[in-house]
């Protein structure tokens, strides 16, 4: 499945028109409350609510994510670095709302070695993640091998290589067992380095699946 990541409220309509079955609401980028966004979504579309650090205070981010869960978010994405107190609050809110928890790890500079990647993934599950999400910068072919090898391990996961050299991981993920992969609404709407557009991914999958 392709998850279309939305960085601006105007991109929400683009994501819906693309036929996406799963939409990520980047609350830190959209800068609109969930109460304004969820009424715009078709009921059949699943959602991920995410609010990365840097725009809102931690307390504000927690409240935004809780609001998204109460409005019916399918998933909540919580950074692995989140404080124990906030993690407990969000996990509890997710349980009450019936929202699945994604615990995510991001490294925008490099990909750590295979052993450390496995340790990070285990930590994602230990912190309450139903799904572990790992996204790291790919600088060399070995990084790609280390990332994709994580699909050999048990547990639900999404493994992504960031940057131009990591694009192959975004394409291959669903064929190796990823719960979903991410795409942008269109050129200029990327929410992560190396992210392909939903149109590009759909075209690639059409070629692969027809061959």
N, C-alpha and C. Protein backbone atom coordinates (compact mmCIF):
# COMPACT_ATOMS: atom_id res chain seq x y z
N UNK A 1 0.83 -1.19 0.00
CA UNK A 1 0.00 0.00 0.00
C UNK A 1 0.88 1.25 0.00
N UNK A 2 0.42 2.26 -0.72
CA UNK A 2 1.10 3.54 -0.74
C UNK A 2 0.42 4.49 0.23
N UNK A 3 1.20 5.08 1.12
CA UNK A 3 0.70 6.12 2.01
C UNK A 3 1.14 7.46 1.44
N UNK A 4 0.18 8.31 1.13
CA UNK A 4 0.50 9.64 0.59
C UNK A 4 0.65 10.61 1.75
N UNK A 5 1.82 11.21 1.86
CA UNK A 5 2.13 12.13 2.95
C UNK A 5 1.76 13.56 2.56
N UNK A 6 0.98 14.21 3.39
CA UNK A 6 0.47 15.55 3.09
C UNK A 6 1.18 16.59 3.95
N UNK A 7 1.77 17.59 3.27
CA UNK A 7 2.53 18.62 3.97
C UNK A 7 1.82 19.96 4.02
N UNK A 8 0.71 20.09 3.29
CA UNK A 8 -0.04 21.34 3.26
C UNK A 8 -1.50 21.01 3.04
N UNK A 9 -2.39 21.82 3.58
CA UNK A 9 -3.81 21.53 3.47
C UNK A 9 -4.27 21.44 2.02
N UNK A 10 -3.63 22.20 1.13
CA UNK A 10 -4.00 22.13 -0.28
C UNK A 10 -3.64 20.77 -0.89
N UNK A 11 -2.67 20.07 -0.27
CA UNK A 11 -2.28 18.76 -0.77
C UNK A 11 -3.25 17.66 -0.38
N UNK A 12 -4.13 17.96 0.55
CA UNK A 12 -5.08 16.95 0.99
C UNK A 12 -6.00 16.54 -0.15
N UNK A 13 -6.47 17.51 -0.91
CA UNK A 13 -7.34 17.21 -2.04
C UNK A 13 -6.59 16.40 -3.09
N UNK A 14 -5.31 16.73 -3.31
CA UNK A 14 -4.49 15.97 -4.26
C UNK A 14 -4.35 14.52 -3.82
N UNK A 15 -4.13 14.33 -2.54
CA UNK A 15 -3.98 12.97 -2.01
C UNK A 15 -5.26 12.17 -2.19
N UNK A 16 -6.38 12.80 -1.92
CA UNK A 16 -7.67 12.12 -2.08
C UNK A 16 -7.92 11.76 -3.53
N UNK A 17 -7.64 12.70 -4.44
CA UNK A 17 -7.87 12.47 -5.87
C UNK A 17 -6.94 11.40 -6.43
N UNK A 18 -5.80 11.18 -5.77
CA UNK A 18 -4.86 10.15 -6.25
C UNK A 18 -5.40 8.75 -6.00
N UNK A 19 -6.46 8.66 -5.19
CA UNK A 19 -7.03 7.36 -4.87
C UNK A 19 -6.34 6.69 -3.70
N UNK A 20 -5.56 7.45 -2.94
CA UNK A 20 -4.82 6.88 -1.82
C UNK A 20 -5.75 6.24 -0.80
N UNK A 21 -5.38 5.05 -0.35
CA UNK A 21 -6.15 4.38 0.68
C UNK A 21 -5.65 4.73 2.07
N UNK A 22 -4.45 5.36 2.11
CA UNK A 22 -3.84 5.75 3.38
C UNK A 22 -3.18 7.10 3.20
N UNK A 23 -3.48 8.03 4.10
CA UNK A 23 -2.93 9.39 4.03
C UNK A 23 -2.27 9.74 5.35
N UNK A 24 -1.04 10.25 5.26
CA UNK A 24 -0.34 10.74 6.45
C UNK A 24 -0.56 12.23 6.57
N UNK A 25 -1.04 12.66 7.72
CA UNK A 25 -1.23 14.08 8.00
C UNK A 25 -0.05 14.58 8.82
N UNK A 26 0.84 15.33 8.17
CA UNK A 26 2.00 15.89 8.85
C UNK A 26 1.56 17.18 9.54
N UNK A 27 1.07 17.06 10.76
CA UNK A 27 0.50 18.19 11.46
C UNK A 27 1.50 19.31 11.69
N UNK A 28 2.78 18.96 11.80
CA UNK A 28 3.81 19.98 12.00
C UNK A 28 4.02 20.83 10.76
N UNK A 29 3.72 20.27 9.58
CA UNK A 29 3.89 20.99 8.33
C UNK A 29 2.59 21.65 7.87
N UNK A 30 1.48 20.96 8.05
CA UNK A 30 0.18 21.51 7.64
C UNK A 30 -0.20 22.70 8.51
N UNK A 31 0.10 22.58 9.81
CA UNK A 31 -0.17 23.65 10.79
C UNK A 31 -1.67 24.00 10.85
N UNK A 32 -2.46 22.98 10.79
CA UNK A 32 -3.90 23.11 11.00
C UNK A 32 -4.32 22.02 11.99
N UNK A 33 -5.30 22.27 12.83
CA UNK A 33 -5.72 21.27 13.82
C UNK A 33 -6.44 20.10 13.17
N UNK A 34 -6.36 18.93 13.77
CA UNK A 34 -7.07 17.77 13.23
C UNK A 34 -8.56 18.02 13.03
N UNK A 35 -9.15 18.84 13.87
CA UNK A 35 -10.59 19.13 13.76
C UNK A 35 -10.94 19.78 12.43
N UNK A 36 -9.98 20.42 11.80
CA UNK A 36 -10.21 21.05 10.50
C UNK A 36 -9.93 20.08 9.35
N UNK A 37 -9.07 19.10 9.60
CA UNK A 37 -8.64 18.20 8.53
C UNK A 37 -9.53 16.97 8.37
N UNK A 38 -9.89 16.35 9.46
CA UNK A 38 -10.62 15.08 9.37
C UNK A 38 -11.97 15.18 8.68
N UNK A 39 -12.73 16.28 8.84
CA UNK A 39 -14.00 16.38 8.11
C UNK A 39 -13.82 16.41 6.58
N UNK A 40 -12.61 16.70 6.12
CA UNK A 40 -12.35 16.77 4.67
C UNK A 40 -12.03 15.40 4.07
N UNK A 41 -11.83 14.40 4.92
CA UNK A 41 -11.39 13.09 4.46
C UNK A 41 -12.57 12.15 4.22
N UNK A 42 -12.53 11.39 3.12
CA UNK A 42 -13.54 10.35 2.92
C UNK A 42 -13.44 9.31 4.02
N UNK A 43 -14.56 8.76 4.44
CA UNK A 43 -14.56 7.81 5.55
C UNK A 43 -13.78 6.55 5.24
N UNK A 44 -13.67 6.20 3.96
CA UNK A 44 -12.98 4.96 3.60
C UNK A 44 -11.46 5.08 3.66
N UNK A 45 -10.96 6.30 3.74
CA UNK A 45 -9.51 6.52 3.74
C UNK A 45 -8.95 6.37 5.15
N UNK A 46 -7.89 5.57 5.29
CA UNK A 46 -7.21 5.43 6.57
C UNK A 46 -6.20 6.56 6.72
N UNK A 47 -5.82 6.84 7.96
CA UNK A 47 -4.94 7.98 8.22
C UNK A 47 -3.85 7.67 9.24
N UNK A 48 -2.74 8.37 9.06
CA UNK A 48 -1.67 8.42 10.06
C UNK A 48 -1.56 9.85 10.52
N UNK A 49 -1.60 10.08 11.84
CA UNK A 49 -1.33 11.42 12.35
C UNK A 49 0.10 11.47 12.87
N UNK A 50 0.80 12.49 12.44
CA UNK A 50 2.21 12.67 12.80
C UNK A 50 2.46 14.14 13.10
N UNK A 51 3.28 14.41 14.10
CA UNK A 51 3.67 15.79 14.38
C UNK A 51 5.12 15.79 14.83
N UNK A 52 6.01 16.02 13.88
CA UNK A 52 7.44 15.98 14.17
C UNK A 52 7.87 17.17 15.04
N UNK A 53 8.94 17.00 15.82
CA UNK A 53 9.43 18.10 16.67
C UNK A 53 9.92 19.28 15.84
N UNK A 54 9.91 20.45 16.47
CA UNK A 54 10.52 21.63 15.84
C UNK A 54 9.57 22.79 15.62
N UNK A 55 8.28 22.51 15.53
CA UNK A 55 7.30 23.58 15.29
C UNK A 55 6.51 23.88 16.56
N UNK A 56 6.00 22.83 17.17
CA UNK A 56 5.19 22.97 18.39
C UNK A 56 5.98 22.52 19.62
N UNK A 57 5.58 23.02 20.78
CA UNK A 57 6.12 22.50 22.03
C UNK A 57 5.66 21.05 22.19
N UNK A 58 6.42 20.28 22.98
CA UNK A 58 6.08 18.87 23.15
C UNK A 58 4.66 18.69 23.67
N UNK A 59 4.25 19.53 24.61
CA UNK A 59 2.89 19.42 25.17
C UNK A 59 1.84 19.67 24.09
N UNK A 60 2.13 20.60 23.19
CA UNK A 60 1.19 20.90 22.10
C UNK A 60 1.13 19.74 21.11
N UNK A 61 2.28 19.15 20.83
CA UNK A 61 2.32 18.01 19.91
C UNK A 61 1.50 16.84 20.46
N UNK A 62 1.63 16.59 21.74
CA UNK A 62 0.87 15.51 22.37
C UNK A 62 -0.63 15.76 22.22
N UNK A 63 -1.06 16.98 22.46
CA UNK A 63 -2.48 17.29 22.37
C UNK A 63 -2.99 17.19 20.94
N UNK A 64 -2.18 17.59 19.97
CA UNK A 64 -2.59 17.48 18.56
C UNK A 64 -2.74 16.01 18.16
N UNK A 65 -1.80 15.18 18.58
CA UNK A 65 -1.87 13.77 18.25
C UNK A 65 -3.05 13.10 18.94
N UNK A 66 -3.30 13.46 20.18
CA UNK A 66 -4.45 12.91 20.90
C UNK A 66 -5.75 13.31 20.21
N UNK A 67 -5.81 14.55 19.74
CA UNK A 67 -7.01 15.03 19.04
C UNK A 67 -7.23 14.23 17.75
N UNK A 68 -6.13 13.96 17.03
CA UNK A 68 -6.24 13.17 15.81
C UNK A 68 -6.73 11.77 16.07
N UNK A 69 -6.27 11.18 17.16
CA UNK A 69 -6.71 9.83 17.52
C UNK A 69 -8.19 9.81 17.87
N UNK A 70 -8.63 10.80 18.62
CA UNK A 70 -10.05 10.87 19.00
C UNK A 70 -10.94 11.02 17.77
N UNK A 71 -10.43 11.65 16.73
CA UNK A 71 -11.21 11.87 15.51
C UNK A 71 -11.17 10.67 14.57
N UNK A 72 -10.43 9.62 14.98
CA UNK A 72 -10.48 8.39 14.20
C UNK A 72 -9.24 8.02 13.42
N UNK A 73 -8.09 8.60 13.74
CA UNK A 73 -6.86 8.23 13.04
C UNK A 73 -6.62 6.73 13.15
N UNK A 74 -6.24 6.13 12.05
CA UNK A 74 -5.94 4.69 12.04
C UNK A 74 -4.65 4.41 12.78
N UNK A 75 -3.66 5.28 12.55
CA UNK A 75 -2.33 5.13 13.15
C UNK A 75 -1.88 6.46 13.75
N UNK A 76 -1.04 6.38 14.77
CA UNK A 76 -0.31 7.54 15.27
C UNK A 76 1.16 7.20 15.19
N UNK A 77 1.96 8.13 14.68
CA UNK A 77 3.40 7.94 14.54
C UNK A 77 4.10 8.75 15.63
N UNK A 78 4.82 8.05 16.50
CA UNK A 78 5.49 8.68 17.64
C UNK A 78 7.00 8.45 17.53
N UNK A 79 7.79 9.51 17.67
CA UNK A 79 9.24 9.38 17.58
C UNK A 79 9.79 8.57 18.75
N UNK A 80 10.78 7.76 18.47
CA UNK A 80 11.38 6.92 19.49
C UNK A 80 12.02 7.75 20.61
N UNK A 81 12.41 9.00 20.29
CA UNK A 81 13.05 9.85 21.30
C UNK A 81 12.05 10.51 22.25
N UNK A 82 10.77 10.31 22.03
CA UNK A 82 9.74 10.92 22.87
C UNK A 82 9.96 10.55 24.34
N UNK A 83 9.76 11.52 25.21
CA UNK A 83 9.97 11.27 26.64
C UNK A 83 9.07 10.15 27.13
N UNK A 84 9.51 9.48 28.18
CA UNK A 84 8.74 8.36 28.73
C UNK A 84 7.34 8.81 29.15
N UNK A 85 7.24 10.00 29.72
CA UNK A 85 5.94 10.51 30.17
C UNK A 85 4.99 10.72 29.00
N UNK A 86 5.49 11.39 27.96
CA UNK A 86 4.64 11.64 26.78
C UNK A 86 4.33 10.34 26.04
N UNK A 87 5.29 9.43 26.01
CA UNK A 87 5.07 8.14 25.36
C UNK A 87 3.94 7.40 26.05
N UNK A 88 3.93 7.44 27.38
CA UNK A 88 2.88 6.76 28.14
C UNK A 88 1.52 7.40 27.85
N UNK A 89 1.48 8.73 27.80
CA UNK A 89 0.23 9.43 27.51
C UNK A 89 -0.31 9.07 26.13
N UNK A 90 0.57 9.03 25.15
CA UNK A 90 0.15 8.76 23.78
C UNK A 90 -0.24 7.30 23.58
N UNK A 91 0.50 6.39 24.19
CA UNK A 91 0.15 4.97 24.10
C UNK A 91 -1.20 4.71 24.75
N UNK A 92 -1.45 5.37 25.86
CA UNK A 92 -2.73 5.22 26.55
C UNK A 92 -3.87 5.77 25.71
N UNK A 93 -3.65 6.94 25.12
CA UNK A 93 -4.67 7.54 24.26
C UNK A 93 -4.95 6.68 23.05
N UNK A 94 -3.91 6.08 22.50
CA UNK A 94 -4.06 5.20 21.34
C UNK A 94 -4.89 3.97 21.69
N UNK A 95 -4.63 3.41 22.86
CA UNK A 95 -5.38 2.24 23.29
C UNK A 95 -6.86 2.57 23.46
N UNK A 96 -7.13 3.73 24.04
CA UNK A 96 -8.52 4.14 24.26
C UNK A 96 -9.23 4.41 22.93
N UNK A 97 -8.51 4.95 21.96
CA UNK A 97 -9.12 5.32 20.68
C UNK A 97 -9.13 4.17 19.67
N UNK A 98 -8.41 3.10 19.98
CA UNK A 98 -8.31 2.00 19.03
C UNK A 98 -7.39 2.33 17.87
N UNK A 99 -6.40 3.18 18.12
CA UNK A 99 -5.43 3.61 17.12
C UNK A 99 -4.16 2.77 17.22
N UNK A 100 -3.66 2.30 16.10
CA UNK A 100 -2.42 1.53 16.08
C UNK A 100 -1.22 2.47 16.21
N UNK A 101 -0.21 2.03 16.96
CA UNK A 101 0.96 2.87 17.25
C UNK A 101 2.14 2.49 16.35
N UNK A 102 2.70 3.51 15.71
CA UNK A 102 3.95 3.39 14.97
C UNK A 102 5.02 4.12 15.79
N UNK A 103 6.08 3.43 16.14
CA UNK A 103 7.22 4.09 16.78
C UNK A 103 8.30 4.23 15.72
N UNK A 104 8.75 5.47 15.51
CA UNK A 104 9.65 5.73 14.39
C UNK A 104 11.01 6.27 14.83
N UNK A 105 12.00 5.89 14.03
CA UNK A 105 13.39 6.34 14.24
C UNK A 105 13.86 6.99 12.94
N UNK A 106 14.44 8.17 13.06
CA UNK A 106 14.95 8.88 11.88
C UNK A 106 16.42 9.28 12.10
N UNK A 107 17.22 9.07 11.06
CA UNK A 107 18.61 9.53 11.08
C UNK A 107 18.86 10.17 9.72
N UNK A 108 18.90 11.48 9.68
CA UNK A 108 19.00 12.21 8.42
C UNK A 108 20.43 12.32 7.90
N UNK A 109 21.40 11.79 8.66
CA UNK A 109 22.79 11.89 8.26
C UNK A 109 23.36 10.59 7.71
N UNK A 110 23.01 9.46 8.33
CA UNK A 110 23.63 8.20 7.92
C UNK A 110 22.78 7.01 8.33
N UNK A 111 23.21 5.84 7.90
CA UNK A 111 22.60 4.58 8.30
C UNK A 111 23.59 3.86 9.21
N UNK A 112 23.17 3.56 10.42
CA UNK A 112 24.05 2.86 11.35
C UNK A 112 24.21 1.41 10.90
N UNK A 113 25.11 0.66 11.54
CA UNK A 113 25.38 -0.70 11.08
C UNK A 113 24.20 -1.63 11.39
N UNK A 114 24.25 -2.83 10.83
CA UNK A 114 23.13 -3.77 10.89
C UNK A 114 22.74 -4.10 12.32
N UNK A 115 23.72 -4.32 13.18
CA UNK A 115 23.44 -4.67 14.57
C UNK A 115 22.69 -3.55 15.29
N UNK A 116 23.12 -2.31 15.04
CA UNK A 116 22.47 -1.17 15.68
C UNK A 116 21.07 -0.95 15.12
N UNK A 117 20.88 -1.20 13.84
CA UNK A 117 19.55 -1.08 13.24
C UNK A 117 18.58 -2.06 13.90
N UNK A 118 19.05 -3.28 14.11
CA UNK A 118 18.21 -4.29 14.74
C UNK A 118 17.86 -3.87 16.17
N UNK A 119 18.82 -3.31 16.89
CA UNK A 119 18.57 -2.85 18.25
C UNK A 119 17.53 -1.73 18.27
N UNK A 120 17.63 -0.83 17.31
CA UNK A 120 16.66 0.27 17.21
C UNK A 120 15.26 -0.28 16.95
N UNK A 121 15.17 -1.25 16.06
CA UNK A 121 13.88 -1.82 15.72
C UNK A 121 13.25 -2.51 16.94
N UNK A 122 14.04 -3.24 17.67
CA UNK A 122 13.55 -3.90 18.87
C UNK A 122 13.05 -2.86 19.88
N UNK A 123 13.78 -1.75 20.00
CA UNK A 123 13.39 -0.69 20.92
C UNK A 123 12.05 -0.07 20.51
N UNK A 124 11.79 0.01 19.21
CA UNK A 124 10.51 0.54 18.73
C UNK A 124 9.35 -0.31 19.25
N UNK A 125 9.52 -1.63 19.20
CA UNK A 125 8.47 -2.52 19.71
C UNK A 125 8.36 -2.42 21.24
N UNK A 126 9.50 -2.34 21.90
CA UNK A 126 9.50 -2.28 23.36
C UNK A 126 8.81 -1.02 23.89
N UNK A 127 8.85 0.05 23.10
CA UNK A 127 8.22 1.31 23.53
C UNK A 127 6.74 1.37 23.18
N UNK A 128 6.19 0.27 22.69
CA UNK A 128 4.76 0.21 22.43
C UNK A 128 4.36 0.21 20.97
N UNK A 129 5.33 0.13 20.08
CA UNK A 129 5.00 0.16 18.67
C UNK A 129 4.43 -1.15 18.16
N UNK A 130 3.28 -1.07 17.52
CA UNK A 130 2.77 -2.22 16.78
C UNK A 130 3.54 -2.36 15.48
N UNK A 131 3.95 -1.19 14.96
CA UNK A 131 4.77 -1.12 13.75
C UNK A 131 6.04 -0.34 14.08
N UNK A 132 7.18 -0.86 13.66
CA UNK A 132 8.45 -0.14 13.78
C UNK A 132 8.74 0.54 12.45
N UNK A 133 9.05 1.82 12.51
CA UNK A 133 9.41 2.55 11.29
C UNK A 133 10.84 3.07 11.44
N UNK A 134 11.68 2.72 10.49
CA UNK A 134 13.07 3.17 10.50
C UNK A 134 13.36 3.88 9.19
N UNK A 135 13.82 5.11 9.28
CA UNK A 135 14.16 5.90 8.08
C UNK A 135 15.52 6.53 8.29
N UNK A 136 16.49 6.15 7.45
CA UNK A 136 17.85 6.65 7.61
C UNK A 136 18.42 7.08 6.26
N UNK A 137 19.40 7.96 6.32
CA UNK A 137 20.05 8.45 5.10
C UNK A 137 20.92 7.35 4.50
N UNK A 138 20.76 7.12 3.22
CA UNK A 138 21.57 6.12 2.51
C UNK A 138 22.72 6.83 1.81
N UNK A 139 23.94 6.42 2.16
CA UNK A 139 25.14 7.01 1.56
C UNK A 139 25.93 6.01 0.72
N UNK A 140 25.64 4.72 0.87
CA UNK A 140 26.40 3.69 0.17
C UNK A 140 25.52 2.45 -0.03
N UNK A 141 25.86 1.60 -1.01
CA UNK A 141 25.08 0.38 -1.26
C UNK A 141 24.91 -0.50 -0.02
N UNK A 142 25.93 -0.53 0.85
CA UNK A 142 25.84 -1.34 2.05
C UNK A 142 24.69 -0.89 2.95
N UNK A 143 24.41 0.40 2.93
CA UNK A 143 23.29 0.92 3.73
C UNK A 143 21.97 0.31 3.25
N UNK A 144 21.82 0.19 1.95
CA UNK A 144 20.59 -0.39 1.39
C UNK A 144 20.46 -1.85 1.81
N UNK A 145 21.54 -2.60 1.74
CA UNK A 145 21.50 -4.01 2.13
C UNK A 145 21.14 -4.15 3.61
N UNK A 146 21.74 -3.31 4.45
CA UNK A 146 21.46 -3.39 5.88
C UNK A 146 20.00 -3.05 6.20
N UNK A 147 19.48 -2.05 5.53
CA UNK A 147 18.09 -1.66 5.78
C UNK A 147 17.12 -2.75 5.32
N UNK A 148 17.28 -3.21 4.10
CA UNK A 148 16.34 -4.20 3.57
C UNK A 148 16.44 -5.54 4.27
N UNK A 149 17.59 -5.85 4.85
CA UNK A 149 17.74 -7.12 5.56
C UNK A 149 16.86 -7.19 6.81
N UNK A 150 16.40 -6.03 7.29
CA UNK A 150 15.54 -6.01 8.47
C UNK A 150 14.20 -6.69 8.21
N UNK A 151 13.82 -6.80 6.95
CA UNK A 151 12.56 -7.47 6.63
C UNK A 151 12.63 -8.97 6.90
N UNK A 152 13.82 -9.50 7.11
CA UNK A 152 13.95 -10.92 7.46
C UNK A 152 13.55 -11.18 8.92
N UNK A 153 13.45 -10.13 9.71
CA UNK A 153 13.16 -10.26 11.14
C UNK A 153 11.66 -10.19 11.39
N UNK A 154 11.18 -10.78 12.48
CA UNK A 154 9.74 -10.75 12.78
C UNK A 154 9.26 -9.36 13.18
N UNK A 155 7.95 -9.16 13.04
CA UNK A 155 7.34 -7.90 13.44
C UNK A 155 6.92 -7.04 12.26
N UNK A 156 5.88 -6.25 12.47
CA UNK A 156 5.42 -5.32 11.44
C UNK A 156 6.38 -4.15 11.35
N UNK A 157 6.66 -3.71 10.13
CA UNK A 157 7.67 -2.67 9.98
C UNK A 157 7.54 -1.91 8.68
N UNK A 158 8.16 -0.74 8.66
CA UNK A 158 8.34 0.07 7.46
C UNK A 158 9.78 0.55 7.50
N UNK A 159 10.58 0.15 6.51
CA UNK A 159 12.00 0.48 6.49
C UNK A 159 12.28 1.34 5.26
N UNK A 160 12.83 2.53 5.47
CA UNK A 160 13.01 3.48 4.38
C UNK A 160 14.43 4.05 4.35
N UNK A 161 14.99 4.14 3.15
CA UNK A 161 16.26 4.83 2.97
C UNK A 161 15.99 6.22 2.44
N UNK A 162 16.51 7.23 3.10
CA UNK A 162 16.30 8.61 2.66
C UNK A 162 17.42 9.07 1.73
N UNK A 163 17.10 10.08 0.92
CA UNK A 163 18.05 10.59 -0.06
C UNK A 163 17.89 9.88 -1.39
N UNK A 164 18.50 10.42 -2.45
CA UNK A 164 18.37 9.82 -3.78
C UNK A 164 18.79 8.35 -3.84
N UNK A 165 19.86 7.99 -3.13
CA UNK A 165 20.35 6.62 -3.19
C UNK A 165 19.43 5.64 -2.44
N UNK A 166 18.53 6.17 -1.64
CA UNK A 166 17.65 5.30 -0.87
C UNK A 166 16.31 5.04 -1.53
N UNK A 167 16.08 5.59 -2.71
CA UNK A 167 14.76 5.47 -3.35
C UNK A 167 14.36 4.03 -3.61
N UNK A 168 15.32 3.17 -3.90
CA UNK A 168 15.00 1.78 -4.19
C UNK A 168 14.31 1.12 -2.99
N UNK A 169 14.65 1.53 -1.77
CA UNK A 169 14.02 0.94 -0.59
C UNK A 169 12.53 1.30 -0.53
N UNK A 170 12.19 2.47 -1.03
CA UNK A 170 10.80 2.92 -1.03
C UNK A 170 9.97 2.10 -2.02
N UNK A 171 10.62 1.72 -3.11
CA UNK A 171 9.94 0.92 -4.13
C UNK A 171 9.83 -0.54 -3.69
N UNK A 172 10.91 -1.07 -3.13
CA UNK A 172 10.97 -2.50 -2.79
C UNK A 172 10.22 -2.88 -1.53
N UNK A 173 10.06 -1.94 -0.59
CA UNK A 173 9.48 -2.24 0.70
C UNK A 173 8.23 -3.11 0.67
N UNK A 174 7.19 -2.73 -0.06
CA UNK A 174 5.97 -3.53 -0.07
C UNK A 174 6.15 -4.96 -0.57
N UNK A 175 7.13 -5.19 -1.43
CA UNK A 175 7.38 -6.54 -1.94
C UNK A 175 8.13 -7.41 -0.93
N UNK A 176 8.73 -6.75 0.08
CA UNK A 176 9.49 -7.48 1.09
C UNK A 176 8.74 -7.63 2.41
N UNK A 177 7.56 -7.02 2.48
CA UNK A 177 6.76 -7.16 3.70
C UNK A 177 6.45 -5.88 4.43
N UNK A 178 6.79 -4.73 3.86
CA UNK A 178 6.47 -3.46 4.51
C UNK A 178 4.96 -3.30 4.65
N UNK A 179 4.53 -2.71 5.73
CA UNK A 179 3.10 -2.43 5.91
C UNK A 179 2.61 -1.44 4.87
N UNK A 180 3.48 -0.51 4.49
CA UNK A 180 3.18 0.46 3.44
C UNK A 180 4.46 1.20 3.10
N UNK A 181 4.42 2.01 2.07
CA UNK A 181 5.55 2.88 1.73
C UNK A 181 5.00 4.28 1.54
N UNK A 182 5.86 5.27 1.57
CA UNK A 182 5.41 6.65 1.52
C UNK A 182 5.68 7.31 0.18
N UNK A 183 4.76 8.20 -0.20
CA UNK A 183 4.92 8.98 -1.43
C UNK A 183 4.43 10.40 -1.16
N UNK A 184 4.88 11.33 -1.98
CA UNK A 184 4.40 12.71 -1.87
C UNK A 184 3.20 12.92 -2.78
N UNK A 185 2.49 14.02 -2.54
CA UNK A 185 1.34 14.34 -3.38
C UNK A 185 1.78 14.71 -4.79
N UNK A 186 2.99 15.27 -4.91
CA UNK A 186 3.50 15.68 -6.21
C UNK A 186 4.85 16.34 -6.04
N UNK A 187 5.45 16.74 -7.15
CA UNK A 187 6.75 17.39 -7.10
C UNK A 187 6.68 18.65 -6.24
N UNK A 188 7.62 18.77 -5.31
CA UNK A 188 7.64 19.91 -4.40
C UNK A 188 6.87 19.66 -3.12
N UNK A 189 6.16 18.54 -3.05
CA UNK A 189 5.38 18.24 -1.87
C UNK A 189 6.01 17.19 -0.99
N UNK A 190 7.29 16.89 -1.22
CA UNK A 190 7.98 15.84 -0.47
C UNK A 190 8.07 16.18 1.02
N UNK A 191 7.89 15.18 1.85
CA UNK A 191 8.04 15.36 3.30
C UNK A 191 9.29 14.68 3.83
N UNK A 192 10.06 14.06 2.93
CA UNK A 192 11.33 13.42 3.32
C UNK A 192 12.25 13.38 2.11
N UNK A 193 13.57 13.44 2.32
CA UNK A 193 14.51 13.42 1.21
C UNK A 193 14.41 12.12 0.40
N UNK A 194 14.31 12.25 -0.92
CA UNK A 194 14.27 11.07 -1.78
C UNK A 194 12.89 10.49 -1.98
N UNK A 195 11.88 11.13 -1.43
CA UNK A 195 10.51 10.61 -1.56
C UNK A 195 10.01 10.77 -2.99
N UNK A 196 9.47 9.69 -3.53
CA UNK A 196 8.88 9.71 -4.87
C UNK A 196 7.45 10.22 -4.79
N UNK A 197 6.92 10.69 -5.91
CA UNK A 197 5.52 11.11 -5.92
C UNK A 197 4.63 9.88 -6.03
N UNK A 198 3.36 10.04 -5.63
CA UNK A 198 2.43 8.92 -5.72
C UNK A 198 2.25 8.49 -7.18
N UNK A 199 2.30 9.44 -8.11
CA UNK A 199 2.19 9.11 -9.53
C UNK A 199 3.37 8.26 -9.98
N UNK A 200 4.58 8.65 -9.56
CA UNK A 200 5.77 7.88 -9.94
C UNK A 200 5.72 6.46 -9.39
N UNK A 201 5.33 6.32 -8.13
CA UNK A 201 5.27 4.99 -7.53
C UNK A 201 4.22 4.12 -8.21
N UNK A 202 3.07 4.69 -8.48
CA UNK A 202 2.02 3.91 -9.15
C UNK A 202 2.47 3.45 -10.53
N UNK A 203 3.20 4.31 -11.24
CA UNK A 203 3.70 3.94 -12.56
C UNK A 203 4.74 2.84 -12.47
N UNK A 204 5.62 2.93 -11.48
CA UNK A 204 6.64 1.89 -11.27
C UNK A 204 6.00 0.55 -10.95
N UNK A 205 5.02 0.56 -10.04
CA UNK A 205 4.37 -0.69 -9.65
C UNK A 205 3.59 -1.30 -10.82
N UNK A 206 3.05 -0.44 -11.66
CA UNK A 206 2.33 -0.95 -12.83
C UNK A 206 3.27 -1.69 -13.76
N UNK A 207 4.46 -1.13 -13.96
CA UNK A 207 5.47 -1.78 -14.82
C UNK A 207 5.93 -3.09 -14.20
N UNK A 208 6.20 -3.07 -12.88
CA UNK A 208 6.68 -4.27 -12.21
C UNK A 208 5.62 -5.37 -12.21
N UNK A 209 4.40 -5.01 -11.88
CA UNK A 209 3.35 -6.02 -11.74
C UNK A 209 2.88 -6.58 -13.08
N UNK A 210 3.12 -5.85 -14.15
CA UNK A 210 2.71 -6.34 -15.48
C UNK A 210 3.78 -7.14 -16.17
N UNK A 211 4.99 -7.11 -15.64
CA UNK A 211 6.10 -7.80 -16.30
C UNK A 211 6.06 -9.29 -16.01
